[in-house]
Amino acid sequence: MSRPVTWYDITMELPIESIVFYLLLIDALGANLLSWGGKQTWWQQKLAPIATYFPLTRGWTTYYLVLVLLMGIMLYRFDALVLPL
């Protein structure tokens, strides 16, 4: 007789590389939404100390997104990236 399948039988391990990649991807997408969506004034008003050191410019945020996507491609090619289903 077989035993019933429980939740811990079907969960998969999530490597730290995937967690870091998805956190950086969310951050890069959020930065691009703020910079391309015209929310630079909100960023400068609400987070002025951070905005002086990290300005939201379209070039830098796009470059950041491209670097994160390249990192994702490399992780995928090395089979270290768990894709969401």
PDB file of N, CA and C in Angstrom:
ATOM      1  N   MET A   1       0.850  -1.175   0.000  1.00  0.00           N
ATOM      2  CA  MET A   1       0.000   0.000   0.000  1.00  0.00           C
ATOM      3  C   MET A   1       0.894   1.237   0.000  1.00  0.00           C
ATOM      4  N   SER A   2       0.580   2.196  -0.844  1.00  0.00           N
ATOM      5  CA  SER A   2       1.393   3.404  -0.934  1.00  0.00           C
ATOM      6  C   SER A   2       0.908   4.445   0.064  1.00  0.00           C
ATOM      7  N   ARG A   3       1.824   5.253   0.483  1.00  0.00           N
ATOM      8  CA  ARG A   3       1.462   6.290   1.452  1.00  0.00           C
ATOM      9  C   ARG A   3       0.933   7.517   0.715  1.00  0.00           C
ATOM     10  N   PRO A   4       0.109   8.336   1.353  1.00  0.00           N
ATOM     11  CA  PRO A   4      -0.447   9.515   0.674  1.00  0.00           C
ATOM     12  C   PRO A   4       0.638  10.576   0.447  1.00  0.00           C
ATOM     13  N   VAL A   5       0.454  11.351  -0.592  1.00  0.00           N
ATOM     14  CA  VAL A   5       1.395  12.421  -0.925  1.00  0.00           C
ATOM     15  C   VAL A   5       1.111  13.608  -0.020  1.00  0.00           C
ATOM     16  N   THR A   6       2.143  14.109   0.618  1.00  0.00           N
ATOM     17  CA  THR A   6       1.993  15.269   1.497  1.00  0.00           C
ATOM     18  C   THR A   6       2.646  16.482   0.860  1.00  0.00           C
ATOM     19  N   TRP A   7       2.462  17.666   1.476  1.00  0.00           N
ATOM     20  CA  TRP A   7       2.966  18.915   0.902  1.00  0.00           C
ATOM     21  C   TRP A   7       4.479  18.934   0.818  1.00  0.00           C
ATOM     22  N   TYR A   8       5.177  18.281   1.757  1.00  0.00           N
ATOM     23  CA  TYR A   8       6.635  18.321   1.711  1.00  0.00           C
ATOM     24  C   TYR A   8       7.206  17.349   0.687  1.00  0.00           C
ATOM     25  N   ASP A   9       6.375  16.459   0.133  1.00  0.00           N
ATOM     26  CA  ASP A   9       6.836  15.589  -0.939  1.00  0.00           C
ATOM     27  C   ASP A   9       6.877  16.320  -2.283  1.00  0.00           C
ATOM     28  N   ILE A  10       6.013  17.296  -2.455  1.00  0.00           N
ATOM     29  CA  ILE A  10       5.920  17.944  -3.759  1.00  0.00           C
ATOM     30  C   ILE A  10       6.623  19.296  -3.809  1.00  0.00           C
ATOM     31  N   THR A  11       7.133  19.783  -2.706  1.00  0.00           N
ATOM     32  CA  THR A  11       7.855  21.053  -2.752  1.00  0.00           C
ATOM     33  C   THR A  11       9.238  20.835  -3.333  1.00  0.00           C
ATOM     34  N   MET A  12       9.729  21.862  -4.033  1.00  0.00           N
ATOM     35  CA  MET A  12      11.057  21.763  -4.606  1.00  0.00           C
ATOM     36  C   MET A  12      11.996  22.710  -3.876  1.00  0.00           C
ATOM     37  N   GLU A  13      13.243  22.395  -3.962  1.00  0.00           N
ATOM     38  CA  GLU A  13      14.223  23.273  -3.348  1.00  0.00           C
ATOM     39  C   GLU A  13      14.463  24.461  -4.264  1.00  0.00           C
ATOM     40  N   LEU A  14      14.526  25.635  -3.677  1.00  0.00           N
ATOM     41  CA  LEU A  14      14.761  26.853  -4.435  1.00  0.00           C
ATOM     42  C   LEU A  14      16.174  27.330  -4.138  1.00  0.00           C
ATOM     43  N   PRO A  15      17.055  27.284  -5.132  1.00  0.00           N
ATOM     44  CA  PRO A  15      18.439  27.690  -4.882  1.00  0.00           C
ATOM     45  C   PRO A  15      18.540  29.179  -4.576  1.00  0.00           C
ATOM     46  N   ILE A  16      19.568  29.544  -3.840  1.00  0.00           N
ATOM     47  CA  ILE A  16      19.768  30.936  -3.454  1.00  0.00           C
ATOM     48  C   ILE A  16      19.980  31.815  -4.682  1.00  0.00           C
ATOM     49  N   GLU A  17      20.545  31.257  -5.751  1.00  0.00           N
ATOM     50  CA  GLU A  17      20.755  32.032  -6.972  1.00  0.00           C
ATOM     51  C   GLU A  17      19.429  32.475  -7.570  1.00  0.00           C
ATOM     52  N   SER A  18      18.443  31.603  -7.532  1.00  0.00           N
ATOM     53  CA  SER A  18      17.126  31.954  -8.067  1.00  0.00           C
ATOM     54  C   SER A  18      16.455  33.018  -7.214  1.00  0.00           C
ATOM     55  N   ILE A  19      16.579  32.900  -5.920  1.00  0.00           N
ATOM     56  CA  ILE A  19      15.974  33.892  -5.024  1.00  0.00           C
ATOM     57  C   ILE A  19      16.588  35.257  -5.255  1.00  0.00           C
ATOM     58  N   VAL A  20      17.910  35.324  -5.326  1.00  0.00           N
ATOM     59  CA  VAL A  20      18.597  36.608  -5.549  1.00  0.00           C
ATOM     60  C   VAL A  20      18.219  37.165  -6.915  1.00  0.00           C
ATOM     61  N   PHE A  21      18.176  36.319  -7.934  1.00  0.00           N
ATOM     62  CA  PHE A  21      17.822  36.798  -9.269  1.00  0.00           C
ATOM     63  C   PHE A  21      16.417  37.392  -9.292  1.00  0.00           C
ATOM     64  N   TYR A  22      15.440  36.699  -8.714  1.00  0.00           N
ATOM     65  CA  TYR A  22      14.070  37.208  -8.757  1.00  0.00           C
ATOM     66  C   TYR A  22      13.906  38.482  -7.923  1.00  0.00           C
ATOM     67  N   LEU A  23      14.630  38.606  -6.820  1.00  0.00           N
ATOM     68  CA  LEU A  23      14.590  39.859  -6.055  1.00  0.00           C
ATOM     69  C   LEU A  23      15.188  41.013  -6.854  1.00  0.00           C
ATOM     70  N   LEU A  24      16.318  40.766  -7.517  1.00  0.00           N
ATOM     71  CA  LEU A  24      16.921  41.800  -8.355  1.00  0.00           C
ATOM     72  C   LEU A  24      16.040  42.138  -9.555  1.00  0.00           C
ATOM     73  N   LEU A  25      15.364  41.144 -10.108  1.00  0.00           N
ATOM     74  CA  LEU A  25      14.471  41.397 -11.238  1.00  0.00           C
ATOM     75  C   LEU A  25      13.297  42.279 -10.824  1.00  0.00           C
ATOM     76  N   ILE A  26      12.716  42.012  -9.669  1.00  0.00           N
ATOM     77  CA  ILE A  26      11.623  42.847  -9.164  1.00  0.00           C
ATOM     78  C   ILE A  26      12.116  44.264  -8.919  1.00  0.00           C
ATOM     79  N   ASP A  27      13.322  44.396  -8.350  1.00  0.00           N
ATOM     80  CA  ASP A  27      13.889  45.710  -8.095  1.00  0.00           C
ATOM     81  C   ASP A  27      14.159  46.463  -9.398  1.00  0.00           C
ATOM     82  N   ALA A  28      14.724  45.790 -10.391  1.00  0.00           N
ATOM     83  CA  ALA A  28      15.024  46.435 -11.666  1.00  0.00           C
ATOM     84  C   ALA A  28      13.751  46.848 -12.397  1.00  0.00           C
ATOM     85  N   LEU A  29      12.733  45.999 -12.353  1.00  0.00           N
ATOM     86  CA  LEU A  29      11.466  46.357 -12.994  1.00  0.00           C
ATOM     87  C   LEU A  29      10.800  47.537 -12.285  1.00  0.00           C
ATOM     88  N   GLY A  30      10.868  47.548 -10.956  1.00  0.00           N
ATOM     89  CA  GLY A  30      10.309  48.672 -10.209  1.00  0.00           C
ATOM     90  C   GLY A  30      11.044  49.972 -10.488  1.00  0.00           C
ATOM     91  N   ALA A  31      12.362  49.912 -10.582  1.00  0.00           N
ATOM     92  CA  ALA A  31      13.143  51.112 -10.891  1.00  0.00           C
ATOM     93  C   ALA A  31      12.811  51.623 -12.287  1.00  0.00           C
ATOM     94  N   ASN A  32      12.644  50.717 -13.242  1.00  0.00           N
ATOM     95  CA  ASN A  32      12.289  51.144 -14.591  1.00  0.00           C
ATOM     96  C   ASN A  32      10.886  51.728 -14.653  1.00  0.00           C
ATOM     97  N   LEU A  33       9.966  51.156 -13.901  1.00  0.00           N
ATOM     98  CA  LEU A  33       8.618  51.723 -13.862  1.00  0.00           C
ATOM     99  C   LEU A  33       8.631  53.130 -13.281  1.00  0.00           C
ATOM    100  N   LEU A  34       9.434  53.343 -12.249  1.00  0.00           N
ATOM    101  CA  LEU A  34       9.514  54.678 -11.666  1.00  0.00           C
ATOM    102  C   LEU A  34      10.187  55.667 -12.612  1.00  0.00           C
ATOM    103  N   SER A  35      11.265  55.245 -13.264  1.00  0.00           N
ATOM    104  CA  SER A  35      11.988  56.191 -14.109  1.00  0.00           C
ATOM    105  C   SER A  35      11.253  56.478 -15.425  1.00  0.00           C
ATOM    106  N   TRP A  36      10.687  55.464 -16.065  1.00  0.00           N
ATOM    107  CA  TRP A  36       9.997  55.673 -17.324  1.00  0.00           C
ATOM    108  C   TRP A  36       8.566  56.153 -17.120  1.00  0.00           C
ATOM    109  N   GLY A  37       8.016  55.954 -15.918  1.00  0.00           N
ATOM    110  CA  GLY A  37       6.641  56.366 -15.655  1.00  0.00           C
ATOM    111  C   GLY A  37       6.501  57.785 -15.145  1.00  0.00           C
ATOM    112  N   GLY A  38       7.598  58.516 -15.011  1.00  0.00           N
ATOM    113  CA  GLY A  38       7.528  59.911 -14.592  1.00  0.00           C
ATOM    114  C   GLY A  38       7.377  60.109 -13.098  1.00  0.00           C
ATOM    115  N   LYS A  39       7.867  59.166 -12.289  1.00  0.00           N
ATOM    116  CA  LYS A  39       7.729  59.273 -10.839  1.00  0.00           C
ATOM    117  C   LYS A  39       9.031  59.734 -10.169  1.00  0.00           C
ATOM    118  N   GLN A  40       9.879  60.446 -10.914  1.00  0.00           N
ATOM    119  CA  GLN A  40      11.121  60.918 -10.320  1.00  0.00           C
ATOM    120  C   GLN A  40      10.862  61.922  -9.198  1.00  0.00           C
ATOM    121  N   THR A  41       9.812  62.723  -9.322  1.00  0.00           N
ATOM    122  CA  THR A  41       9.518  63.704  -8.278  1.00  0.00           C
ATOM    123  C   THR A  41       9.098  63.010  -6.987  1.00  0.00           C
ATOM    124  N   TRP A  42       8.319  61.945  -7.098  1.00  0.00           N
ATOM    125  CA  TRP A  42       7.934  61.189  -5.900  1.00  0.00           C
ATOM    126  C   TRP A  42       9.172  60.627  -5.228  1.00  0.00           C
ATOM    127  N   TRP A  43      10.059  60.061  -6.014  1.00  0.00           N
ATOM    128  CA  TRP A  43      11.305  59.483  -5.502  1.00  0.00           C
ATOM    129  C   TRP A  43      12.137  60.550  -4.794  1.00  0.00           C
ATOM    130  N   GLN A  44      12.240  61.729  -5.374  1.00  0.00           N
ATOM    131  CA  GLN A  44      13.051  62.796  -4.795  1.00  0.00           C
ATOM    132  C   GLN A  44      12.404  63.389  -3.546  1.00  0.00           C
ATOM    133  N   GLN A  45      11.085  63.442  -3.493  1.00  0.00           N
ATOM    134  CA  GLN A  45      10.407  64.004  -2.327  1.00  0.00           C
ATOM    135  C   GLN A  45      10.382  63.040  -1.148  1.00  0.00           C
ATOM    136  N   LYS A  46      10.060  61.796  -1.397  1.00  0.00           N
ATOM    137  CA  LYS A  46       9.876  60.832  -0.312  1.00  0.00           C
ATOM    138  C   LYS A  46      11.189  60.251   0.200  1.00  0.00           C
ATOM    139  N   LEU A  47      12.150  60.070  -0.674  1.00  0.00           N
ATOM    140  CA  LEU A  47      13.412  59.442  -0.298  1.00  0.00           C
ATOM    141  C   LEU A  47      14.590  60.325  -0.709  1.00  0.00           C
ATOM    142  N   ALA A  48      14.571  61.561  -0.254  1.00  0.00           N
ATOM    143  CA  ALA A  48      15.577  62.536  -0.674  1.00  0.00           C
ATOM    144  C   ALA A  48      17.012  62.122  -0.345  1.00  0.00           C
ATOM    145  N   PRO A  49      17.325  61.582   0.851  1.00  0.00           N
ATOM    146  CA  PRO A  49      18.717  61.204   1.101  1.00  0.00           C
ATOM    147  C   PRO A  49      19.227  60.115   0.159  1.00  0.00           C
ATOM    148  N   ILE A  50      18.363  59.176  -0.187  1.00  0.00           N
ATOM    149  CA  ILE A  50      18.768  58.106  -1.095  1.00  0.00           C
ATOM    150  C   ILE A  50      18.809  58.614  -2.524  1.00  0.00           C
ATOM    151  N   ALA A  51      17.872  59.509  -2.880  1.00  0.00           N
ATOM    152  CA  ALA A  51      17.785  60.010  -4.251  1.00  0.00           C
ATOM    153  C   ALA A  51      19.001  60.832  -4.647  1.00  0.00           C
ATOM    154  N   THR A  52      19.689  61.424  -3.675  1.00  0.00           N
ATOM    155  CA  THR A  52      20.893  62.196  -4.034  1.00  0.00           C
ATOM    156  C   THR A  52      22.024  61.279  -4.479  1.00  0.00           C
ATOM    157  N   TYR A  53      22.086  60.062  -3.923  1.00  0.00           N
ATOM    158  CA  TYR A  53      23.156  59.122  -4.284  1.00  0.00           C
ATOM    159  C   TYR A  53      22.744  58.167  -5.402  1.00  0.00           C
ATOM    160  N   PHE A  54      21.461  57.866  -5.503  1.00  0.00           N
ATOM    161  CA  PHE A  54      20.951  56.945  -6.527  1.00  0.00           C
ATOM    162  C   PHE A  54      19.853  57.641  -7.327  1.00  0.00           C
ATOM    163  N   PRO A  55      20.214  58.466  -8.291  1.00  0.00           N
ATOM    164  CA  PRO A  55      19.177  59.144  -9.080  1.00  0.00           C
ATOM    165  C   PRO A  55      18.489  58.166 -10.035  1.00  0.00           C
ATOM    166  N   LEU A  56      17.203  58.407 -10.253  1.00  0.00           N
ATOM    167  CA  LEU A  56      16.440  57.566 -11.177  1.00  0.00           C
ATOM    168  C   LEU A  56      16.529  58.169 -12.576  1.00  0.00           C
ATOM    169  N   THR A  57      17.504  57.741 -13.327  1.00  0.00           N
ATOM    170  CA  THR A  57      17.599  58.166 -14.715  1.00  0.00           C
ATOM    171  C   THR A  57      17.288  56.976 -15.604  1.00  0.00           C
ATOM    172  N   ARG A  58      16.746  57.270 -16.752  1.00  0.00           N
ATOM    173  CA  ARG A  58      16.300  56.193 -17.642  1.00  0.00           C
ATOM    174  C   ARG A  58      17.463  55.335 -18.119  1.00  0.00           C
ATOM    175  N   GLY A  59      18.594  55.945 -18.371  1.00  0.00           N
ATOM    176  CA  GLY A  59      19.748  55.195 -18.862  1.00  0.00           C
ATOM    177  C   GLY A  59      20.264  54.187 -17.848  1.00  0.00           C
ATOM    178  N   TRP A  60      20.433  54.644 -16.603  1.00  0.00           N
ATOM    179  CA  TRP A  60      20.971  53.752 -15.577  1.00  0.00           C
ATOM    180  C   TRP A  60      20.011  52.629 -15.220  1.00  0.00           C
ATOM    181  N   THR A  61      18.730  52.933 -15.148  1.00  0.00           N
ATOM    182  CA  THR A  61      17.781  51.879 -14.788  1.00  0.00           C
ATOM    183  C   THR A  61      17.632  50.865 -15.917  1.00  0.00           C
ATOM    184  N   THR A  62      17.710  51.318 -17.168  1.00  0.00           N
ATOM    185  CA  THR A  62      17.657  50.385 -18.290  1.00  0.00           C
ATOM    186  C   THR A  62      18.904  49.506 -18.313  1.00  0.00           C
ATOM    187  N   TYR A  63      20.057  50.109 -18.052  1.00  0.00           N
ATOM    188  CA  TYR A  63      21.308  49.361 -17.986  1.00  0.00           C
ATOM    189  C   TYR A  63      21.247  48.317 -16.863  1.00  0.00           C
ATOM    190  N   TYR A  64      20.674  48.690 -15.724  1.00  0.00           N
ATOM    191  CA  TYR A  64      20.506  47.779 -14.596  1.00  0.00           C
ATOM    192  C   TYR A  64      19.607  46.609 -14.977  1.00  0.00           C
ATOM    193  N   LEU A  65      18.508  46.892 -15.671  1.00  0.00           N
ATOM    194  CA  LEU A  65      17.599  45.826 -16.100  1.00  0.00           C
ATOM    195  C   LEU A  65      18.281  44.880 -17.087  1.00  0.00           C
ATOM    196  N   VAL A  66      19.059  45.425 -18.013  1.00  0.00           N
ATOM    197  CA  VAL A  66      19.761  44.577 -18.981  1.00  0.00           C
ATOM    198  C   VAL A  66      20.769  43.680 -18.269  1.00  0.00           C
ATOM    199  N   LEU A  67      21.499  44.217 -17.292  1.00  0.00           N
ATOM    200  CA  LEU A  67      22.454  43.397 -16.541  1.00  0.00           C
ATOM    201  C   LEU A  67      21.761  42.279 -15.767  1.00  0.00           C
ATOM    202  N   VAL A  68      20.628  42.578 -15.170  1.00  0.00           N
ATOM    203  CA  VAL A  68      19.882  41.559 -14.426  1.00  0.00           C
ATOM    204  C   VAL A  68      19.363  40.483 -15.385  1.00  0.00           C
ATOM    205  N   LEU A  69      18.880  40.886 -16.550  1.00  0.00           N
ATOM    206  CA  LEU A  69      18.410  39.906 -17.520  1.00  0.00           C
ATOM    207  C   LEU A  69      19.551  39.042 -18.046  1.00  0.00           C
ATOM    208  N   LEU A  70      20.729  39.620 -18.265  1.00  0.00           N
ATOM    209  CA  LEU A  70      21.889  38.834 -18.678  1.00  0.00           C
ATOM    210  C   LEU A  70      22.291  37.836 -17.597  1.00  0.00           C
ATOM    211  N   MET A  71      22.197  38.264 -16.352  1.00  0.00           N
ATOM    212  CA  MET A  71      22.488  37.342 -15.257  1.00  0.00           C
ATOM    213  C   MET A  71      21.475  36.194 -15.241  1.00  0.00           C
ATOM    214  N   GLY A  72      20.216  36.489 -15.521  1.00  0.00           N
ATOM    215  CA  GLY A  72      19.202  35.452 -15.595  1.00  0.00           C
ATOM    216  C   GLY A  72      19.447  34.483 -16.733  1.00  0.00           C
ATOM    217  N   ILE A  73      19.890  34.992 -17.867  1.00  0.00           N
ATOM    218  CA  ILE A  73      20.206  34.115 -18.997  1.00  0.00           C
ATOM    219  C   ILE A  73      21.363  33.195 -18.647  1.00  0.00           C
ATOM    220  N   MET A  74      22.386  33.739 -18.004  1.00  0.00           N
ATOM    221  CA  MET A  74      23.526  32.903 -17.611  1.00  0.00           C
ATOM    222  C   MET A  74      23.120  31.837 -16.604  1.00  0.00           C
ATOM    223  N   LEU A  75      22.305  32.221 -15.615  1.00  0.00           N
ATOM    224  CA  LEU A  75      21.836  31.240 -14.640  1.00  0.00           C
ATOM    225  C   LEU A  75      20.993  30.160 -15.301  1.00  0.00           C
ATOM    226  N   TYR A  76      20.186  30.540 -16.267  1.00  0.00           N
ATOM    227  CA  TYR A  76      19.360  29.563 -16.982  1.00  0.00           C
ATOM    228  C   TYR A  76      20.230  28.597 -17.783  1.00  0.00           C
ATOM    229  N   ARG A  77      21.258  29.117 -18.429  1.00  0.00           N
ATOM    230  CA  ARG A  77      22.138  28.251 -19.230  1.00  0.00           C
ATOM    231  C   ARG A  77      22.948  27.296 -18.373  1.00  0.00           C
ATOM    232  N   PHE A  78      23.254  27.700 -17.119  1.00  0.00           N
ATOM    233  CA  PHE A  78      23.978  26.816 -16.198  1.00  0.00           C
ATOM    234  C   PHE A  78      23.033  25.940 -15.386  1.00  0.00           C
ATOM    235  N   ASP A  79      21.748  25.953 -15.719  1.00  0.00           N
ATOM    236  CA  ASP A  79      20.718  25.181 -15.010  1.00  0.00           C
ATOM    237  C   ASP A  79      20.672  25.492 -13.523  1.00  0.00           C
ATOM    238  N   ALA A  80      20.899  26.740 -13.169  1.00  0.00           N
ATOM    239  CA  ALA A  80      20.837  27.153 -11.768  1.00  0.00           C
ATOM    240  C   ALA A  80      19.602  27.986 -11.477  1.00  0.00           C
ATOM    241  N   LEU A  81      18.775  28.213 -12.481  1.00  0.00           N
ATOM    242  CA  LEU A  81      17.597  29.061 -12.318  1.00  0.00           C
ATOM    243  C   LEU A  81      16.344  28.210 -12.344  1.00  0.00           C
ATOM    244  N   VAL A  82      15.528  28.349 -11.308  1.00  0.00           N
ATOM    245  CA  VAL A  82      14.245  27.648 -11.247  1.00  0.00           C
ATOM    246  C   VAL A  82      13.203  28.589 -11.814  1.00  0.00           C
ATOM    247  N   LEU A  83      12.571  28.169 -12.915  1.00  0.00           N
ATOM    248  CA  LEU A  83      11.563  29.004 -13.549  1.00  0.00           C
ATOM    249  C   LEU A  83      10.215  28.810 -12.857  1.00  0.00           C
ATOM    250  N   PRO A  84       9.484  29.908 -12.657  1.00  0.00           N
ATOM    251  CA  PRO A  84       8.151  29.759 -12.037  1.00  0.00           C
ATOM    252  C   PRO A  84       7.198  29.090 -13.008  1.00  0.00           C
ATOM    253  N   LEU A  85       6.310  28.290 -12.468  1.00  0.00           N
ATOM    254  CA  LEU A  85       5.357  27.571 -13.336  1.00  0.00           C
ATOM    255  C   LEU A  85       4.063  28.316 -13.449  1.00  0.00           C
TER     256      LEU A  85
END
